[in-house]
Amino acid sequence: MRPLTVVDDLPERKNARDFMETVTDLAWMPSADAVVEQGAFEDAVPDALQADLNIFGRAPGPDFEFVRSMVDATRSSCPFVADSGEESALA
């Protein structure tokens, strides 16, 4: 498993790395290889290693253009998930 997040600027990389380590520890994924990239998310996805399944978080409201672009970019199955806003996975 390889969780991926993308940050806008270099100073945020450490915060993102720390967050990803926290998430993988709490989710009991000790062998997960978390990746933190810098730049635009849409640019990072096509360069990521190929996977059979890519799970994407999504913003409120459907954005079908984004959904189609991610499926095209990854050439894989892509479920899109959203947080209810009522519970925290980190709690």
C-alpha atoms as a PDB file:
ATOM      1  CA  MET A   1       0.000   0.000   0.000  1.00  0.00           C
ATOM      2  CA  ARG A   2       1.325   3.401  -0.941  1.00  0.00           C
ATOM      3  CA  PRO A   3      -0.632   6.397   0.392  1.00  0.00           C
ATOM      4  CA  LEU A   4       0.107   9.563  -1.570  1.00  0.00           C
ATOM      5  CA  THR A   5      -0.473  13.189  -0.704  1.00  0.00           C
ATOM      6  CA  VAL A   6       0.561  16.327  -2.527  1.00  0.00           C
ATOM      7  CA  VAL A   7       1.469  19.687  -0.988  1.00  0.00           C
ATOM      8  CA  ASP A   8       1.713  23.099  -2.620  1.00  0.00           C
ATOM      9  CA  ASP A   9       5.036  24.199  -1.159  1.00  0.00           C
ATOM     10  CA  LEU A  10       8.216  22.736   0.254  1.00  0.00           C
ATOM     11  CA  PRO A  11       7.754  23.860   3.898  1.00  0.00           C
ATOM     12  CA  GLU A  12       4.559  21.772   4.105  1.00  0.00           C
ATOM     13  CA  ARG A  13       6.343  18.533   3.167  1.00  0.00           C
ATOM     14  CA  LYS A  14       7.473  17.818   6.739  1.00  0.00           C
ATOM     15  CA  ASN A  15       3.971  18.405   8.130  1.00  0.00           C
ATOM     16  CA  ALA A  16       2.489  16.179   5.450  1.00  0.00           C
ATOM     17  CA  ARG A  17       5.081  13.461   6.087  1.00  0.00           C
ATOM     18  CA  ASP A  18       4.367  13.559   9.848  1.00  0.00           C
ATOM     19  CA  PHE A  19       0.616  13.373   9.172  1.00  0.00           C
ATOM     20  CA  MET A  20       1.012  10.425   6.796  1.00  0.00           C
ATOM     21  CA  GLU A  21       3.131   8.575   9.361  1.00  0.00           C
ATOM     22  CA  THR A  22       0.455   9.185  11.999  1.00  0.00           C
ATOM     23  CA  VAL A  23      -2.283   7.912   9.707  1.00  0.00           C
ATOM     24  CA  THR A  24      -0.392   4.772   8.697  1.00  0.00           C
ATOM     25  CA  ASP A  25       0.484   4.032  12.336  1.00  0.00           C
ATOM     26  CA  LEU A  26      -3.106   4.493  13.530  1.00  0.00           C
ATOM     27  CA  ALA A  27      -4.441   2.446  10.616  1.00  0.00           C
ATOM     28  CA  TRP A  28      -2.019  -0.371  11.467  1.00  0.00           C
ATOM     29  CA  MET A  29      -0.238  -0.191   8.117  1.00  0.00           C
ATOM     30  CA  PRO A  30       3.385  -0.556   9.252  1.00  0.00           C
ATOM     31  CA  SER A  31       4.650  -1.547   5.805  1.00  0.00           C
ATOM     32  CA  ALA A  32       2.875   1.283   3.964  1.00  0.00           C
ATOM     33  CA  ASP A  33       5.249   3.433   1.961  1.00  0.00           C
ATOM     34  CA  ALA A  34       3.722   6.916   2.285  1.00  0.00           C
ATOM     35  CA  VAL A  35       4.688   9.337  -0.469  1.00  0.00           C
ATOM     36  CA  VAL A  36       4.623  13.130  -0.208  1.00  0.00           C
ATOM     37  CA  GLU A  37       4.957  15.033  -3.476  1.00  0.00           C
ATOM     38  CA  GLN A  38       5.143  18.764  -4.106  1.00  0.00           C
ATOM     39  CA  GLY A  39       3.173  20.535  -6.817  1.00  0.00           C
ATOM     40  CA  ALA A  40      -0.285  20.065  -8.293  1.00  0.00           C
ATOM     41  CA  PHE A  41      -2.197  16.894  -7.414  1.00  0.00           C
ATOM     42  CA  GLU A  42      -3.263  16.358 -11.031  1.00  0.00           C
ATOM     43  CA  ASP A  43       0.404  16.441 -12.081  1.00  0.00           C
ATOM     44  CA  ALA A  44       1.574  14.014  -9.380  1.00  0.00           C
ATOM     45  CA  VAL A  45      -0.984  11.272 -10.041  1.00  0.00           C
ATOM     46  CA  PRO A  46       0.158  10.248 -13.545  1.00  0.00           C
ATOM     47  CA  ASP A  47       3.762  10.039 -12.290  1.00  0.00           C
ATOM     48  CA  ALA A  48       2.883   7.792  -9.326  1.00  0.00           C
ATOM     49  CA  LEU A  49       3.627   4.093  -9.525  1.00  0.00           C
ATOM     50  CA  GLN A  50       0.913   2.062 -11.254  1.00  0.00           C
ATOM     51  CA  ALA A  51      -1.633   0.413  -8.939  1.00  0.00           C
ATOM     52  CA  ASP A  52      -4.610  -1.890  -9.490  1.00  0.00           C
ATOM     53  CA  LEU A  53      -6.755   0.264  -7.212  1.00  0.00           C
ATOM     54  CA  ASN A  54      -6.491   3.977  -6.421  1.00  0.00           C
ATOM     55  CA  ILE A  55      -8.736   5.377  -3.678  1.00  0.00           C
ATOM     56  CA  PHE A  56      -9.252   9.128  -3.850  1.00  0.00           C
ATOM     57  CA  GLY A  57     -10.716  11.486  -1.299  1.00  0.00           C
ATOM     58  CA  ARG A  58     -13.118  13.966  -2.793  1.00  0.00           C
ATOM     59  CA  ALA A  59     -14.407  17.414  -1.973  1.00  0.00           C
ATOM     60  CA  PRO A  60     -18.131  17.997  -1.321  1.00  0.00           C
ATOM     61  CA  GLY A  61     -20.232  17.966  -4.453  1.00  0.00           C
ATOM     62  CA  PRO A  62     -19.585  15.785  -7.496  1.00  0.00           C
ATOM     63  CA  ASP A  63     -16.829  16.867  -9.862  1.00  0.00           C
ATOM     64  CA  PHE A  64     -17.178  14.432 -12.728  1.00  0.00           C
ATOM     65  CA  GLU A  65     -14.436  16.078 -14.770  1.00  0.00           C
ATOM     66  CA  PHE A  66     -11.959  15.347 -11.921  1.00  0.00           C
ATOM     67  CA  VAL A  67     -13.276  11.776 -11.590  1.00  0.00           C
ATOM     68  CA  ARG A  68     -12.840  11.095 -15.302  1.00  0.00           C
ATOM     69  CA  SER A  69      -9.384  12.678 -15.372  1.00  0.00           C
ATOM     70  CA  MET A  70      -8.153  10.534 -12.460  1.00  0.00           C
ATOM     71  CA  VAL A  71      -9.485   7.319 -14.010  1.00  0.00           C
ATOM     72  CA  ASP A  72      -7.805   8.249 -17.307  1.00  0.00           C
ATOM     73  CA  ALA A  73      -4.535   9.243 -15.596  1.00  0.00           C
ATOM     74  CA  THR A  74      -4.250   6.068 -13.492  1.00  0.00           C
ATOM     75  CA  ARG A  75      -5.784   3.573 -15.913  1.00  0.00           C
ATOM     76  CA  SER A  76      -7.171   1.681 -12.914  1.00  0.00           C
ATOM     77  CA  SER A  77     -10.239   1.248 -10.728  1.00  0.00           C
ATOM     78  CA  CYS A  78     -10.821   4.437  -8.729  1.00  0.00           C
ATOM     79  CA  PRO A  79     -13.350   4.631  -5.905  1.00  0.00           C
ATOM     80  CA  PHE A  80     -13.873   8.187  -4.629  1.00  0.00           C
ATOM     81  CA  VAL A  81     -14.610   8.586  -0.930  1.00  0.00           C
ATOM     82  CA  ALA A  82     -15.783  11.452   1.258  1.00  0.00           C
ATOM     83  CA  ASP A  83     -15.647  12.095   4.979  1.00  0.00           C
ATOM     84  CA  SER A  84     -18.966  12.505   6.768  1.00  0.00           C
ATOM     85  CA  GLY A  85     -17.482  15.304   8.856  1.00  0.00           C
ATOM     86  CA  GLU A  86     -19.003  13.728  11.957  1.00  0.00           C
ATOM     87  CA  GLU A  87     -16.207  11.401  13.013  1.00  0.00           C
ATOM     88  CA  SER A  88     -12.431  11.465  12.974  1.00  0.00           C
ATOM     89  CA  ALA A  89     -10.333   8.515  11.875  1.00  0.00           C
ATOM     90  CA  LEU A  90      -7.592   9.897  14.114  1.00  0.00           C
ATOM     91  CA  ALA A  91      -9.761   9.971  17.263  1.00  0.00           C
END
